[in-house]
Amino acid sequence: MIGPSTGVRVYLACGVTGMRKGIAGLAAAAEKILRQNPTSGAVFAFRGRRGDRVKLRHS
């Protein structure tokens, strides 16, 4: 398993995120839902409706 570097923050968006969203949509969700700067260097994790898919966004 590959993990994040030491000191990297990981944010998990609670609830369901549409898996059709692209990079721009996930960045907007990071700002709106998580209230974080999407260019901060953190990793943002978003879960699909069925729970079998996860999308990660890292800047």
PDB file of N, CA and C in Angstrom:
ATOM      1  N   MET A   1       0.834  -1.170   0.000  1.00  0.00           N
ATOM      2  CA  MET A   1       0.000   0.000   0.000  1.00  0.00           C
ATOM      3  C   MET A   1       0.885   1.242   0.000  1.00  0.00           C
ATOM      4  N   ILE A   2       0.534   2.206  -0.792  1.00  0.00           N
ATOM      5  CA  ILE A   2       1.244   3.478  -0.849  1.00  0.00           C
ATOM      6  C   ILE A   2       0.495   4.472   0.025  1.00  0.00           C
ATOM      7  N   GLY A   3       1.171   5.071   0.948  1.00  0.00           N
ATOM      8  CA  GLY A   3       0.549   6.033   1.841  1.00  0.00           C
ATOM      9  C   GLY A   3       1.056   7.436   1.590  1.00  0.00           C
ATOM     10  N   PRO A   4       0.384   8.423   2.141  1.00  0.00           N
ATOM     11  CA  PRO A   4       0.833   9.810   1.980  1.00  0.00           C
ATOM     12  C   PRO A   4       2.119  10.058   2.758  1.00  0.00           C
ATOM     13  N   SER A   5       2.830  11.055   2.354  1.00  0.00           N
ATOM     14  CA  SER A   5       4.059  11.442   3.039  1.00  0.00           C
ATOM     15  C   SER A   5       3.747  11.934   4.446  1.00  0.00           C
ATOM     16  N   THR A   6       4.744  11.982   5.276  1.00  0.00           N
ATOM     17  CA  THR A   6       4.575  12.471   6.632  1.00  0.00           C
ATOM     18  C   THR A   6       4.136  13.932   6.611  1.00  0.00           C
ATOM     19  N   GLY A   7       3.147  14.244   7.391  1.00  0.00           N
ATOM     20  CA  GLY A   7       2.669  15.606   7.504  1.00  0.00           C
ATOM     21  C   GLY A   7       1.588  15.992   6.505  1.00  0.00           C
ATOM     22  N   VAL A   8       1.214  15.103   5.600  1.00  0.00           N
ATOM     23  CA  VAL A   8       0.160  15.405   4.632  1.00  0.00           C
ATOM     24  C   VAL A   8      -1.191  15.187   5.299  1.00  0.00           C
ATOM     25  N   ARG A   9      -2.071  16.148   5.153  1.00  0.00           N
ATOM     26  CA  ARG A   9      -3.411  16.018   5.722  1.00  0.00           C
ATOM     27  C   ARG A   9      -4.321  15.311   4.728  1.00  0.00           C
ATOM     28  N   VAL A  10      -5.179  14.446   5.252  1.00  0.00           N
ATOM     29  CA  VAL A  10      -6.138  13.714   4.432  1.00  0.00           C
ATOM     30  C   VAL A  10      -7.528  14.057   4.940  1.00  0.00           C
ATOM     31  N   TYR A  11      -8.394  14.515   4.039  1.00  0.00           N
ATOM     32  CA  TYR A  11      -9.763  14.877   4.386  1.00  0.00           C
ATOM     33  C   TYR A  11     -10.712  13.922   3.682  1.00  0.00           C
ATOM     34  N   LEU A  12     -11.689  13.396   4.410  1.00  0.00           N
ATOM     35  CA  LEU A  12     -12.690  12.507   3.861  1.00  0.00           C
ATOM     36  C   LEU A  12     -14.028  13.233   3.844  1.00  0.00           C
ATOM     37  N   ALA A  13     -14.604  13.346   2.651  1.00  0.00           N
ATOM     38  CA  ALA A  13     -15.913  13.990   2.523  1.00  0.00           C
ATOM     39  C   ALA A  13     -16.980  12.998   2.962  1.00  0.00           C
ATOM     40  N   CYS A  14     -17.731  13.341   3.986  1.00  0.00           N
ATOM     41  CA  CYS A  14     -18.808  12.469   4.451  1.00  0.00           C
ATOM     42  C   CYS A  14     -19.973  12.541   3.474  1.00  0.00           C
ATOM     43  N   GLY A  15     -20.664  11.461   3.319  1.00  0.00           N
ATOM     44  CA  GLY A  15     -21.790  11.429   2.396  1.00  0.00           C
ATOM     45  C   GLY A  15     -21.356  10.919   1.038  1.00  0.00           C
ATOM     46  N   VAL A  16     -22.198  11.146   0.053  1.00  0.00           N
ATOM     47  CA  VAL A  16     -21.999  10.610  -1.288  1.00  0.00           C
ATOM     48  C   VAL A  16     -21.597  11.720  -2.244  1.00  0.00           C
ATOM     49  N   THR A  17     -20.643  11.412  -3.111  1.00  0.00           N
ATOM     50  CA  THR A  17     -20.204  12.337  -4.155  1.00  0.00           C
ATOM     51  C   THR A  17     -20.414  11.659  -5.497  1.00  0.00           C
ATOM     52  N   GLY A  18     -20.937  12.403  -6.470  1.00  0.00           N
ATOM     53  CA  GLY A  18     -21.120  11.853  -7.813  1.00  0.00           C
ATOM     54  C   GLY A  18     -19.775  11.498  -8.427  1.00  0.00           C
ATOM     55  N   MET A  19     -19.625  10.269  -8.863  1.00  0.00           N
ATOM     56  CA  MET A  19     -18.350   9.813  -9.417  1.00  0.00           C
ATOM     57  C   MET A  19     -18.109  10.309 -10.839  1.00  0.00           C
ATOM     58  N   ARG A  20     -19.071  11.015 -11.423  1.00  0.00           N
ATOM     59  CA  ARG A  20     -18.866  11.597 -12.749  1.00  0.00           C
ATOM     60  C   ARG A  20     -18.144  12.938 -12.675  1.00  0.00           C
ATOM     61  N   LYS A  21     -17.950  13.458 -11.473  1.00  0.00           N
ATOM     62  CA  LYS A  21     -17.257  14.739 -11.315  1.00  0.00           C
ATOM     63  C   LYS A  21     -15.796  14.604 -11.702  1.00  0.00           C
ATOM     64  N   GLY A  22     -15.296  15.622 -12.364  1.00  0.00           N
ATOM     65  CA  GLY A  22     -13.891  15.656 -12.733  1.00  0.00           C
ATOM     66  C   GLY A  22     -13.075  16.396 -11.691  1.00  0.00           C
ATOM     67  N   ILE A  23     -11.858  16.759 -12.065  1.00  0.00           N
ATOM     68  CA  ILE A  23     -10.946  17.440 -11.142  1.00  0.00           C
ATOM     69  C   ILE A  23     -11.531  18.771 -10.666  1.00  0.00           C
ATOM     70  N   ALA A  24     -12.092  19.546 -11.581  1.00  0.00           N
ATOM     71  CA  ALA A  24     -12.658  20.851 -11.206  1.00  0.00           C
ATOM     72  C   ALA A  24     -13.843  20.687 -10.255  1.00  0.00           C
ATOM     73  N   GLY A  25     -14.687  19.697 -10.511  1.00  0.00           N
ATOM     74  CA  GLY A  25     -15.839  19.448  -9.643  1.00  0.00           C
ATOM     75  C   GLY A  25     -15.430  18.994  -8.250  1.00  0.00           C
ATOM     76  N   LEU A  26     -14.394  18.176  -8.182  1.00  0.00           N
ATOM     77  CA  LEU A  26     -13.906  17.731  -6.880  1.00  0.00           C
ATOM     78  C   LEU A  26     -13.243  18.876  -6.123  1.00  0.00           C
ATOM     79  N   ALA A  27     -12.562  19.760  -6.843  1.00  0.00           N
ATOM     80  CA  ALA A  27     -11.961  20.932  -6.192  1.00  0.00           C
ATOM     81  C   ALA A  27     -13.054  21.833  -5.623  1.00  0.00           C
ATOM     82  N   ALA A  28     -14.132  22.008  -6.369  1.00  0.00           N
ATOM     83  CA  ALA A  28     -15.258  22.813  -5.882  1.00  0.00           C
ATOM     84  C   ALA A  28     -15.895  22.161  -4.660  1.00  0.00           C
ATOM     85  N   ALA A  29     -16.001  20.833  -4.667  1.00  0.00           N
ATOM     86  CA  ALA A  29     -16.557  20.126  -3.514  1.00  0.00           C
ATOM     87  C   ALA A  29     -15.650  20.270  -2.295  1.00  0.00           C
ATOM     88  N   ALA A  30     -14.345  20.270  -2.506  1.00  0.00           N
ATOM     89  CA  ALA A  30     -13.412  20.451  -1.392  1.00  0.00           C
ATOM     90  C   ALA A  30     -13.616  21.816  -0.749  1.00  0.00           C
ATOM     91  N   GLU A  31     -13.877  22.817  -1.571  1.00  0.00           N
ATOM     92  CA  GLU A  31     -14.121  24.166  -1.038  1.00  0.00           C
ATOM     93  C   GLU A  31     -15.475  24.252  -0.351  1.00  0.00           C
ATOM     94  N   LYS A  32     -16.510  23.731  -0.996  1.00  0.00           N
ATOM     95  CA  LYS A  32     -17.867  23.889  -0.489  1.00  0.00           C
ATOM     96  C   LYS A  32     -18.178  22.950   0.674  1.00  0.00           C
ATOM     97  N   ILE A  33     -17.901  21.665   0.510  1.00  0.00           N
ATOM     98  CA  ILE A  33     -18.270  20.673   1.523  1.00  0.00           C
ATOM     99  C   ILE A  33     -17.282  20.646   2.680  1.00  0.00           C
ATOM    100  N   LEU A  34     -15.993  20.590   2.347  1.00  0.00           N
ATOM    101  CA  LEU A  34     -14.967  20.450   3.383  1.00  0.00           C
ATOM    102  C   LEU A  34     -14.437  21.785   3.891  1.00  0.00           C
ATOM    103  N   ARG A  35     -14.762  22.854   3.177  1.00  0.00           N
ATOM    104  CA  ARG A  35     -14.309  24.209   3.543  1.00  0.00           C
ATOM    105  C   ARG A  35     -12.789  24.281   3.665  1.00  0.00           C
ATOM    106  N   GLN A  36     -12.129  23.684   2.666  1.00  0.00           N
ATOM    107  CA  GLN A  36     -10.668  23.667   2.624  1.00  0.00           C
ATOM    108  C   GLN A  36     -10.201  24.190   1.278  1.00  0.00           C
ATOM    109  N   ASN A  37      -9.004  24.720   1.246  1.00  0.00           N
ATOM    110  CA  ASN A  37      -8.403  25.190   0.010  1.00  0.00           C
ATOM    111  C   ASN A  37      -7.941  23.975  -0.788  1.00  0.00           C
ATOM    112  N   PRO A  38      -8.470  23.764  -2.006  1.00  0.00           N
ATOM    113  CA  PRO A  38      -8.104  22.573  -2.763  1.00  0.00           C
ATOM    114  C   PRO A  38      -6.662  22.577  -3.272  1.00  0.00           C
ATOM    115  N   THR A  39      -5.962  23.687  -3.159  1.00  0.00           N
ATOM    116  CA  THR A  39      -4.559  23.761  -3.588  1.00  0.00           C
ATOM    117  C   THR A  39      -3.610  23.783  -2.400  1.00  0.00           C
ATOM    118  N   SER A  40      -4.070  23.321  -1.239  1.00  0.00           N
ATOM    119  CA  SER A  40      -3.269  23.375  -0.016  1.00  0.00           C
ATOM    120  C   SER A  40      -2.237  22.251   0.085  1.00  0.00           C
ATOM    121  N   GLY A  41      -2.300  21.270  -0.818  1.00  0.00           N
ATOM    122  CA  GLY A  41      -1.377  20.144  -0.748  1.00  0.00           C
ATOM    123  C   GLY A  41      -1.939  18.953   0.007  1.00  0.00           C
ATOM    124  N   ALA A  42      -3.166  19.077   0.490  1.00  0.00           N
ATOM    125  CA  ALA A  42      -3.810  17.981   1.210  1.00  0.00           C
ATOM    126  C   ALA A  42      -4.406  16.983   0.208  1.00  0.00           C
ATOM    127  N   VAL A  43      -4.765  15.815   0.715  1.00  0.00           N
ATOM    128  CA  VAL A  43      -5.440  14.801  -0.088  1.00  0.00           C
ATOM    129  C   VAL A  43      -6.917  14.811   0.310  1.00  0.00           C
ATOM    130  N   PHE A  44      -7.789  14.850  -0.698  1.00  0.00           N
ATOM    131  CA  PHE A  44      -9.226  14.858  -0.461  1.00  0.00           C
ATOM    132  C   PHE A  44      -9.809  13.565  -1.002  1.00  0.00           C
ATOM    133  N   ALA A  45     -10.589  12.855  -0.182  1.00  0.00           N
ATOM    134  CA  ALA A  45     -11.182  11.581  -0.568  1.00  0.00           C
ATOM    135  C   ALA A  45     -12.699  11.735  -0.661  1.00  0.00           C
ATOM    136  N   PHE A  46     -13.264  11.221  -1.752  1.00  0.00           N
ATOM    137  CA  PHE A  46     -14.697  11.296  -2.012  1.00  0.00           C
ATOM    138  C   PHE A  46     -15.210   9.886  -2.298  1.00  0.00           C
ATOM    139  N   ARG A  47     -16.355   9.530  -1.711  1.00  0.00           N
ATOM    140  CA  ARG A  47     -16.921   8.184  -1.798  1.00  0.00           C
ATOM    141  C   ARG A  47     -18.100   8.169  -2.759  1.00  0.00           C
ATOM    142  N   GLY A  48     -18.226   7.086  -3.528  1.00  0.00           N
ATOM    143  CA  GLY A  48     -19.349   6.904  -4.434  1.00  0.00           C
ATOM    144  C   GLY A  48     -20.584   6.416  -3.703  1.00  0.00           C
ATOM    145  N   ARG A  49     -21.704   6.400  -4.409  1.00  0.00           N
ATOM    146  CA  ARG A  49     -22.985   6.032  -3.793  1.00  0.00           C
ATOM    147  C   ARG A  49     -22.985   4.612  -3.232  1.00  0.00           C
ATOM    148  N   ARG A  50     -22.492   3.646  -3.977  1.00  0.00           N
ATOM    149  CA  ARG A  50     -22.511   2.260  -3.512  1.00  0.00           C
ATOM    150  C   ARG A  50     -21.402   1.954  -2.508  1.00  0.00           C
ATOM    151  N   GLY A  51     -20.457   2.830  -2.382  1.00  0.00           N
ATOM    152  CA  GLY A  51     -19.373   2.621  -1.425  1.00  0.00           C
ATOM    153  C   GLY A  51     -18.241   1.764  -1.956  1.00  0.00           C
ATOM    154  N   ASP A  52     -18.310   1.396  -3.238  1.00  0.00           N
ATOM    155  CA  ASP A  52     -17.257   0.553  -3.796  1.00  0.00           C
ATOM    156  C   ASP A  52     -16.234   1.351  -4.601  1.00  0.00           C
ATOM    157  N   ARG A  53     -16.400   2.657  -4.655  1.00  0.00           N
ATOM    158  CA  ARG A  53     -15.462   3.501  -5.391  1.00  0.00           C
ATOM    159  C   ARG A  53     -15.083   4.724  -4.566  1.00  0.00           C
ATOM    160  N   VAL A  54     -13.834   5.102  -4.684  1.00  0.00           N
ATOM    161  CA  VAL A  54     -13.334   6.292  -4.008  1.00  0.00           C
ATOM    162  C   VAL A  54     -12.497   7.077  -5.011  1.00  0.00           C
ATOM    163  N   LYS A  55     -12.654   8.392  -5.005  1.00  0.00           N
ATOM    164  CA  LYS A  55     -11.807   9.254  -5.811  1.00  0.00           C
ATOM    165  C   LYS A  55     -10.975  10.102  -4.864  1.00  0.00           C
ATOM    166  N   LEU A  56      -9.703  10.219  -5.194  1.00  0.00           N
ATOM    167  CA  LEU A  56      -8.794  11.034  -4.401  1.00  0.00           C
ATOM    168  C   LEU A  56      -8.343  12.211  -5.234  1.00  0.00           C
ATOM    169  N   ARG A  57      -8.264  13.360  -4.602  1.00  0.00           N
ATOM    170  CA  ARG A  57      -7.754  14.560  -5.263  1.00  0.00           C
ATOM    171  C   ARG A  57      -6.598  15.097  -4.445  1.00  0.00           C
ATOM    172  N   HIS A  58      -5.477  15.293  -5.092  1.00  0.00           N
ATOM    173  CA  HIS A  58      -4.294  15.834  -4.447  1.00  0.00           C
ATOM    174  C   HIS A  58      -3.773  16.970  -5.302  1.00  0.00           C
ATOM    175  N   SER A  59      -3.380  18.028  -4.660  1.00  0.00           N
ATOM    176  CA  SER A  59      -2.854  19.166  -5.434  1.00  0.00           C
ATOM    177  C   SER A  59      -1.370  19.307  -5.230  1.00  0.00           C
TER     178      SER A  59
END
